[in-house]
PDB file of N, CA and C in Angstrom:
ATOM      1  N   MET A   1      -6.433 -46.681  -9.416  1.00  0.00           N
ATOM      2  CA  MET A   1      -5.542 -45.548  -9.252  1.00  0.00           C
ATOM      3  C   MET A   1      -6.199 -44.497  -8.388  1.00  0.00           C
ATOM      4  N   GLY A   2      -5.765 -44.423  -7.162  1.00  0.00           N
ATOM      5  CA  GLY A   2      -6.317 -43.527  -6.132  1.00  0.00           C
ATOM      6  C   GLY A   2      -5.933 -42.063  -6.387  1.00  0.00           C
ATOM      7  N   PHE A   3      -4.764 -41.843  -6.841  1.00  0.00           N
ATOM      8  CA  PHE A   3      -4.302 -40.405  -7.074  1.00  0.00           C
ATOM      9  C   PHE A   3      -3.896 -40.125  -8.519  1.00  0.00           C
ATOM     10  N   ASN A   4      -4.292 -38.978  -9.003  1.00  0.00           N
ATOM     11  CA  ASN A   4      -3.732 -38.587 -10.277  1.00  0.00           C
ATOM     12  C   ASN A   4      -2.639 -37.655 -10.003  1.00  0.00           C
ATOM     13  N   LYS A   5      -1.847 -37.350 -10.986  1.00  0.00           N
ATOM     14  CA  LYS A   5      -0.637 -36.473 -10.781  1.00  0.00           C
ATOM     15  C   LYS A   5      -1.032 -35.076 -10.379  1.00  0.00           C
ATOM     16  N   VAL A   6      -2.057 -34.434 -10.882  1.00  0.00           N
ATOM     17  CA  VAL A   6      -2.437 -33.051 -10.597  1.00  0.00           C
ATOM     18  C   VAL A   6      -2.892 -33.020  -9.119  1.00  0.00           C
ATOM     19  N   GLY A   7      -3.725 -33.986  -8.777  1.00  0.00           N
ATOM     20  CA  GLY A   7      -4.264 -33.939  -7.376  1.00  0.00           C
ATOM     21  C   GLY A   7      -3.109 -34.199  -6.408  1.00  0.00           C
ATOM     22  N   PHE A   8      -2.248 -35.034  -6.645  1.00  0.00           N
ATOM     23  CA  PHE A   8      -1.106 -35.296  -5.817  1.00  0.00           C
ATOM     24  C   PHE A   8      -0.204 -34.051  -5.706  1.00  0.00           C
ATOM     25  N   ILE A   9       0.078 -33.400  -6.773  1.00  0.00           N
ATOM     26  CA  ILE A   9       0.872 -32.143  -6.721  1.00  0.00           C
ATOM     27  C   ILE A   9       0.196 -31.056  -5.882  1.00  0.00           C
ATOM     28  N   LEU A  10      -1.075 -30.918  -6.110  1.00  0.00           N
ATOM     29  CA  LEU A  10      -1.889 -29.913  -5.283  1.00  0.00           C
ATOM     30  C   LEU A  10      -1.881 -30.286  -3.848  1.00  0.00           C
ATOM     31  N   LEU A  11      -1.978 -31.549  -3.525  1.00  0.00           N
ATOM     32  CA  LEU A  11      -1.922 -32.001  -2.182  1.00  0.00           C
ATOM     33  C   LEU A  11      -0.574 -31.733  -1.469  1.00  0.00           C
ATOM     34  N   VAL A  12       0.433 -31.927  -2.179  1.00  0.00           N
ATOM     35  CA  VAL A  12       1.844 -31.695  -1.783  1.00  0.00           C
ATOM     36  C   VAL A  12       2.011 -30.122  -1.464  1.00  0.00           C
ATOM     37  N   ILE A  13       1.549 -29.332  -2.369  1.00  0.00           N
ATOM     38  CA  ILE A  13       1.638 -27.884  -2.229  1.00  0.00           C
ATOM     39  C   ILE A  13       0.936 -27.383  -0.993  1.00  0.00           C
ATOM     40  N   VAL A  14      -0.310 -27.838  -0.844  1.00  0.00           N
ATOM     41  CA  VAL A  14      -1.107 -27.376   0.323  1.00  0.00           C
ATOM     42  C   VAL A  14      -0.637 -27.815   1.578  1.00  0.00           C
ATOM     43  N   TYR A  15      -0.256 -29.133   1.696  1.00  0.00           N
ATOM     44  CA  TYR A  15       0.389 -29.690   2.973  1.00  0.00           C
ATOM     45  C   TYR A  15       1.700 -29.038   3.197  1.00  0.00           C
ATOM     46  N   GLY A  16       2.454 -28.880   2.139  1.00  0.00           N
ATOM     47  CA  GLY A  16       3.798 -28.274   2.312  1.00  0.00           C
ATOM     48  C   GLY A  16       3.673 -26.866   2.924  1.00  0.00           C
ATOM     49  N   GLY A  17       2.641 -26.153   2.495  1.00  0.00           N
ATOM     50  CA  GLY A  17       2.441 -24.733   2.991  1.00  0.00           C
ATOM     51  C   GLY A  17       2.085 -24.811   4.429  1.00  0.00           C
ATOM     52  N   MET A  18       1.253 -25.794   4.851  1.00  0.00           N
ATOM     53  CA  MET A  18       0.883 -25.885   6.275  1.00  0.00           C
ATOM     54  C   MET A  18       2.023 -26.303   7.081  1.00  0.00           C
ATOM     55  N   ILE A  19       2.845 -27.218   6.606  1.00  0.00           N
ATOM     56  CA  ILE A  19       3.992 -27.705   7.387  1.00  0.00           C
ATOM     57  C   ILE A  19       5.041 -26.607   7.561  1.00  0.00           C
ATOM     58  N   MET A  20       5.216 -25.806   6.574  1.00  0.00           N
ATOM     59  CA  MET A  20       6.182 -24.705   6.629  1.00  0.00           C
ATOM     60  C   MET A  20       5.719 -23.580   7.521  1.00  0.00           C
ATOM     61  N   GLY A  21       4.515 -23.682   8.025  1.00  0.00           N
ATOM     62  CA  GLY A  21       4.005 -22.676   8.977  1.00  0.00           C
ATOM     63  C   GLY A  21       3.251 -21.501   8.297  1.00  0.00           C
ATOM     64  N   GLY A  22       3.116 -21.543   7.032  1.00  0.00           N
ATOM     65  CA  GLY A  22       2.432 -20.430   6.342  1.00  0.00           C
ATOM     66  C   GLY A  22       0.898 -20.626   6.266  1.00  0.00           C
ATOM     67  N   ASP A  23       0.174 -19.721   6.680  1.00  0.00           N
ATOM     68  CA  ASP A  23      -1.275 -19.765   6.526  1.00  0.00           C
ATOM     69  C   ASP A  23      -1.525 -19.512   5.079  1.00  0.00           C
ATOM     70  N   MET A  24      -2.443 -20.270   4.480  1.00  0.00           N
ATOM     71  CA  MET A  24      -2.875 -20.124   3.116  1.00  0.00           C
ATOM     72  C   MET A  24      -4.285 -19.682   3.063  1.00  0.00           C
ATOM     73  N   LYS A  25      -4.627 -18.773   2.152  1.00  0.00           N
ATOM     74  CA  LYS A  25      -5.981 -18.326   2.015  1.00  0.00           C
ATOM     75  C   LYS A  25      -6.303 -18.387   0.476  1.00  0.00           C
ATOM     76  N   ILE A  26      -7.481 -18.895   0.206  1.00  0.00           N
ATOM     77  CA  ILE A  26      -7.953 -19.002  -1.191  1.00  0.00           C
ATOM     78  C   ILE A  26      -8.808 -17.772  -1.476  1.00  0.00           C
ATOM     79  N   VAL A  27      -8.415 -16.981  -2.514  1.00  0.00           N
ATOM     80  CA  VAL A  27      -9.178 -15.793  -2.811  1.00  0.00           C
ATOM     81  C   VAL A  27      -9.444 -15.856  -4.369  1.00  0.00           C
ATOM     82  N   GLU A  28     -10.666 -15.899  -4.732  1.00  0.00           N
ATOM     83  CA  GLU A  28     -11.084 -15.871  -6.180  1.00  0.00           C
ATOM     84  C   GLU A  28     -10.274 -16.937  -6.984  1.00  0.00           C
ATOM     85  N   GLY A  29     -10.173 -18.131  -6.447  1.00  0.00           N
ATOM     86  CA  GLY A  29      -9.455 -19.151  -7.156  1.00  0.00           C
ATOM     87  C   GLY A  29      -8.036 -19.121  -7.024  1.00  0.00           C
ATOM     88  N   LYS A  30      -7.439 -18.159  -6.279  1.00  0.00           N
ATOM     89  CA  LYS A  30      -5.945 -18.100  -6.116  1.00  0.00           C
ATOM     90  C   LYS A  30      -5.598 -18.595  -4.683  1.00  0.00           C
ATOM     91  N   ILE A  31      -4.515 -19.233  -4.511  1.00  0.00           N
ATOM     92  CA  ILE A  31      -4.036 -19.606  -3.215  1.00  0.00           C
ATOM     93  C   ILE A  31      -3.013 -18.484  -2.826  1.00  0.00           C
ATOM     94  N   CYS A  32      -3.295 -17.804  -1.697  1.00  0.00           N
ATOM     95  CA  CYS A  32      -2.485 -16.677  -1.288  1.00  0.00           C
ATOM     96  C   CYS A  32      -1.874 -16.926   0.047  1.00  0.00           C
ATOM     97  N   PRO A  33      -0.532 -16.862   0.125  1.00  0.00           N
ATOM     98  CA  PRO A  33       0.120 -16.894   1.412  1.00  0.00           C
ATOM     99  C   PRO A  33      -0.299 -15.694   2.276  1.00  0.00           C
ATOM    100  N   GLN A  34      -0.501 -15.917   3.526  1.00  0.00           N
ATOM    101  CA  GLN A  34      -0.929 -14.800   4.398  1.00  0.00           C
ATOM    102  C   GLN A  34       0.278 -14.042   4.848  1.00  0.00           C
ATOM    103  N   ILE A  35       0.841 -13.172   3.939  1.00  0.00           N
ATOM    104  CA  ILE A  35       1.886 -12.324   4.229  1.00  0.00           C
ATOM    105  C   ILE A  35       1.383 -10.909   4.213  1.00  0.00           C
ATOM    106  N   CYS A  36       1.497 -10.174   5.264  1.00  0.00           N
ATOM    107  CA  CYS A  36       1.013  -8.784   5.349  1.00  0.00           C
ATOM    108  C   CYS A  36       2.199  -7.852   5.188  1.00  0.00           C
ATOM    109  N   TYR A  37       2.180  -7.063   4.128  1.00  0.00           N
ATOM    110  CA  TYR A  37       3.173  -6.035   3.970  1.00  0.00           C
ATOM    111  C   TYR A  37       2.813  -4.790   4.894  1.00  0.00           C
ATOM    112  N   GLU A  38       3.799  -4.111   5.275  1.00  0.00           N
ATOM    113  CA  GLU A  38       3.581  -2.890   6.053  1.00  0.00           C
ATOM    114  C   GLU A  38       3.441  -1.700   5.116  1.00  0.00           C
ATOM    115  N   ALA A  39       2.487  -1.802   4.255  1.00  0.00           N
ATOM    116  CA  ALA A  39       2.211  -0.711   3.250  1.00  0.00           C
ATOM    117  C   ALA A  39       1.653   0.544   3.891  1.00  0.00           C
ATOM    118  N   ALA A  40       1.974   1.687   3.453  1.00  0.00           N
ATOM    119  CA  ALA A  40       1.453   2.959   3.927  1.00  0.00           C
ATOM    120  C   ALA A  40       0.165   3.244   3.364  1.00  0.00           C
ATOM    121  N   TYR A  41       0.001   2.895   2.045  1.00  0.00           N
ATOM    122  CA  TYR A  41      -1.248   3.240   1.339  1.00  0.00           C
ATOM    123  C   TYR A  41      -1.332   2.398   0.030  1.00  0.00           C
ATOM    124  N   MET A  42      -2.424   2.488  -0.576  1.00  0.00           N
ATOM    125  CA  MET A  42      -2.544   1.812  -1.921  1.00  0.00           C
ATOM    126  C   MET A  42      -3.388   2.716  -2.867  1.00  0.00           C
ATOM    127  N   THR A  43      -3.241   2.584  -4.131  1.00  0.00           N
ATOM    128  CA  THR A  43      -4.017   3.296  -5.160  1.00  0.00           C
ATOM    129  C   THR A  43      -4.639   2.222  -6.038  1.00  0.00           C
ATOM    130  N   CYS A  44      -5.831   2.537  -6.563  1.00  0.00           N
ATOM    131  CA  CYS A  44      -6.524   1.622  -7.429  1.00  0.00           C
ATOM    132  C   CYS A  44      -6.967   2.404  -8.673  1.00  0.00           C
ATOM    133  N   PRO A  45      -7.046   1.750  -9.856  1.00  0.00           N
ATOM    134  CA  PRO A  45      -7.492   2.429 -11.093  1.00  0.00           C
ATOM    135  C   PRO A  45      -8.857   3.134 -10.862  1.00  0.00           C
ATOM    136  N   SER A  46      -9.719   2.533 -10.130  1.00  0.00           N
ATOM    137  CA  SER A  46     -11.120   3.116  -9.983  1.00  0.00           C
ATOM    138  C   SER A  46     -11.189   4.380  -9.210  1.00  0.00           C
ATOM    139  N   THR A  47     -10.042   4.668  -8.383  1.00  0.00           N
ATOM    140  CA  THR A  47     -10.121   5.929  -7.566  1.00  0.00           C
ATOM    141  C   THR A  47      -8.950   6.857  -8.001  1.00  0.00           C
ATOM    142  N   GLY A  48      -8.260   6.625  -9.078  1.00  0.00           N
ATOM    143  CA  GLY A  48      -7.144   7.443  -9.535  1.00  0.00           C
ATOM    144  C   GLY A  48      -5.966   7.436  -8.565  1.00  0.00           C
ATOM    145  N   ASP A  49      -5.499   8.662  -8.239  1.00  0.00           N
ATOM    146  CA  ASP A  49      -4.341   8.844  -7.312  1.00  0.00           C
ATOM    147  C   ASP A  49      -4.759   8.907  -5.824  1.00  0.00           C
ATOM    148  N   GLU A  50      -6.046   8.696  -5.468  1.00  0.00           N
ATOM    149  CA  GLU A  50      -6.436   8.755  -4.124  1.00  0.00           C
ATOM    150  C   GLU A  50      -5.773   7.683  -3.287  1.00  0.00           C
ATOM    151  N   HIS A  51      -5.134   8.131  -2.147  1.00  0.00           N
ATOM    152  CA  HIS A  51      -4.479   7.201  -1.204  1.00  0.00           C
ATOM    153  C   HIS A  51      -5.553   6.480  -0.408  1.00  0.00           C
ATOM    154  N   LEU A  52      -5.606   5.158  -0.528  1.00  0.00           N
ATOM    155  CA  LEU A  52      -6.606   4.314   0.170  1.00  0.00           C
ATOM    156  C   LEU A  52      -5.939   3.511   1.264  1.00  0.00           C
ATOM    157  N   SER A  53      -6.699   3.078   2.175  1.00  0.00           N
ATOM    158  CA  SER A  53      -6.125   2.130   3.233  1.00  0.00           C
ATOM    159  C   SER A  53      -5.692   0.882   2.539  1.00  0.00           C
ATOM    160  N   PRO A  54      -4.439   0.428   2.806  1.00  0.00           N
ATOM    161  CA  PRO A  54      -3.891  -0.656   2.030  1.00  0.00           C
ATOM    162  C   PRO A  54      -4.495  -2.030   2.423  1.00  0.00           C
ATOM    163  N   ALA A  55      -4.552  -2.956   1.493  1.00  0.00           N
ATOM    164  CA  ALA A  55      -4.934  -4.260   1.745  1.00  0.00           C
ATOM    165  C   ALA A  55      -3.745  -4.966   2.316  1.00  0.00           C
ATOM    166  N   CYS A  56      -3.831  -6.105   2.885  1.00  0.00           N
ATOM    167  CA  CYS A  56      -2.727  -6.805   3.566  1.00  0.00           C
ATOM    168  C   CYS A  56      -1.633  -7.184   2.544  1.00  0.00           C
ATOM    169  N   SER A  57      -2.035  -7.587   1.328  1.00  0.00           N
ATOM    170  CA  SER A  57      -1.094  -7.925   0.249  1.00  0.00           C
ATOM    171  C   SER A  57      -1.776  -7.766  -1.117  1.00  0.00           C
ATOM    172  N   CYS A  58      -1.012  -7.797  -2.114  1.00  0.00           N
ATOM    173  CA  CYS A  58      -1.497  -7.668  -3.457  1.00  0.00           C
ATOM    174  C   CYS A  58      -2.314  -8.835  -3.910  1.00  0.00           C
ATOM    175  N   CYS A  59      -2.181 -10.015  -3.249  1.00  0.00           N
ATOM    176  CA  CYS A  59      -2.913 -11.108  -3.571  1.00  0.00           C
ATOM    177  C   CYS A  59      -4.420 -10.981  -3.233  1.00  0.00           C
ATOM    178  N   ILE A  60      -4.713 -10.210  -2.244  1.00  0.00           N
ATOM    179  CA  ILE A  60      -6.117 -10.007  -1.835  1.00  0.00           C
ATOM    180  C   ILE A  60      -6.644  -8.650  -2.198  1.00  0.00           C
ATOM    181  N   ALA A  61      -5.793  -7.783  -2.794  1.00  0.00           N
ATOM    182  CA  ALA A  61      -6.245  -6.388  -3.210  1.00  0.00           C
ATOM    183  C   ALA A  61      -7.021  -6.650  -4.585  1.00  0.00           C
ATOM    184  N   SER A  62      -7.769  -5.668  -4.956  1.00  0.00           N
ATOM    185  CA  SER A  62      -8.487  -5.732  -6.174  1.00  0.00           C
ATOM    186  C   SER A  62      -7.526  -5.605  -7.290  1.00  0.00           C
ATOM    187  N   THR A  63      -7.908  -6.143  -8.512  1.00  0.00           N
ATOM    188  CA  THR A  63      -7.072  -6.171  -9.678  1.00  0.00           C
ATOM    189  C   THR A  63      -6.664  -4.721 -10.034  1.00  0.00           C
ATOM    190  N   GLY A  64      -5.315  -4.505 -10.280  1.00  0.00           N
ATOM    191  CA  GLY A  64      -4.799  -3.244 -10.702  1.00  0.00           C
ATOM    192  C   GLY A  64      -4.345  -2.345  -9.526  1.00  0.00           C
ATOM    193  N   CYS A  65      -4.808  -2.659  -8.340  1.00  0.00           N
ATOM    194  CA  CYS A  65      -4.365  -1.845  -7.161  1.00  0.00           C
ATOM    195  C   CYS A  65      -2.858  -2.028  -6.840  1.00  0.00           C
ATOM    196  N   THR A  66      -2.209  -0.941  -6.453  1.00  0.00           N
ATOM    197  CA  THR A  66      -0.873  -0.975  -6.163  1.00  0.00           C
ATOM    198  C   THR A  66      -0.602  -0.585  -4.652  1.00  0.00           C
ATOM    199  N   LEU A  67       0.201  -1.385  -3.930  1.00  0.00           N
ATOM    200  CA  LEU A  67       0.575  -1.085  -2.573  1.00  0.00           C
ATOM    201  C   LEU A  67       1.876  -0.297  -2.639  1.00  0.00           C
ATOM    202  N   TYR A  68       2.021   0.705  -1.666  1.00  0.00           N
ATOM    203  CA  TYR A  68       3.210   1.559  -1.674  1.00  0.00           C
ATOM    204  C   TYR A  68       3.816   1.629  -0.220  1.00  0.00           C
ATOM    205  N   ASN A  69       5.107   1.794  -0.171  1.00  0.00           N
ATOM    206  CA  ASN A  69       5.787   2.074   1.050  1.00  0.00           C
ATOM    207  C   ASN A  69       5.521   3.501   1.397  1.00  0.00           C
ATOM    208  N   SER A  70       5.928   3.917   2.548  1.00  0.00           N
ATOM    209  CA  SER A  70       5.686   5.334   3.083  1.00  0.00           C
ATOM    210  C   SER A  70       6.497   6.309   2.282  1.00  0.00           C
ATOM    211  N   ASP A  71       7.587   5.865   1.600  1.00  0.00           N
ATOM    212  CA  ASP A  71       8.429   6.804   0.724  1.00  0.00           C
ATOM    213  C   ASP A  71       7.917   6.868  -0.653  1.00  0.00           C
ATOM    214  N   GLY A  72       6.739   6.213  -0.931  1.00  0.00           N
ATOM    215  CA  GLY A  72       6.147   6.196  -2.311  1.00  0.00           C
ATOM    216  C   GLY A  72       6.683   5.182  -3.223  1.00  0.00           C
ATOM    217  N   THR A  73       7.603   4.335  -2.784  1.00  0.00           N
ATOM    218  CA  THR A  73       7.993   3.253  -3.764  1.00  0.00           C
ATOM    219  C   THR A  73       7.018   2.158  -3.730  1.00  0.00           C
ATOM    220  N   PRO A  74       6.606   1.614  -4.944  1.00  0.00           N
ATOM    221  CA  PRO A  74       5.650   0.581  -5.078  1.00  0.00           C
ATOM    222  C   PRO A  74       6.148  -0.768  -4.463  1.00  0.00           C
ATOM    223  N   ILE A  75       5.271  -1.515  -3.856  1.00  0.00           N
ATOM    224  CA  ILE A  75       5.581  -2.780  -3.261  1.00  0.00           C
ATOM    225  C   ILE A  75       5.195  -3.866  -4.303  1.00  0.00           C
ATOM    226  N   CYS A  76       3.986  -3.754  -4.721  1.00  0.00           N
ATOM    227  CA  CYS A  76       3.465  -4.718  -5.684  1.00  0.00           C
ATOM    228  C   CYS A  76       2.144  -4.219  -6.310  1.00  0.00           C
ATOM    229  N   THR A  77       1.756  -4.840  -7.427  1.00  0.00           N
ATOM    230  CA  THR A  77       0.448  -4.554  -8.066  1.00  0.00           C
ATOM    231  C   THR A  77      -0.370  -5.773  -8.207  1.00  0.00           C
ATOM    232  N   ALA A  78      -1.559  -5.729  -7.763  1.00  0.00           N
ATOM    233  CA  ALA A  78      -2.516  -6.912  -7.801  1.00  0.00           C
ATOM    234  C   ALA A  78      -2.826  -7.250  -9.296  1.00  0.00           C
ATOM    235  N   SER A  79      -2.809  -8.524  -9.515  1.00  0.00           N
ATOM    236  CA  SER A  79      -3.080  -9.027 -10.870  1.00  0.00           C
ATOM    237  C   SER A  79      -4.381  -9.825 -10.899  1.00  0.00           C
TER     238      SER A  79
END
């Protein structure tokens, strides 16, 4: 048996992402699509309400950090 079910499923997901044109990046054991939000700023628990330069997406931001639009609406929170 050359393939097990988990390996095959993972292979399909990774190759599917490449075929669909999405760049994939592995960050701390997570597979993150390379989608950059046009966030205006982000806040993180470690800095309180200080407006920081935003990460590209919540997938690569530190845990608990939130990305915001320029009008202050949250885009996402990193988990």
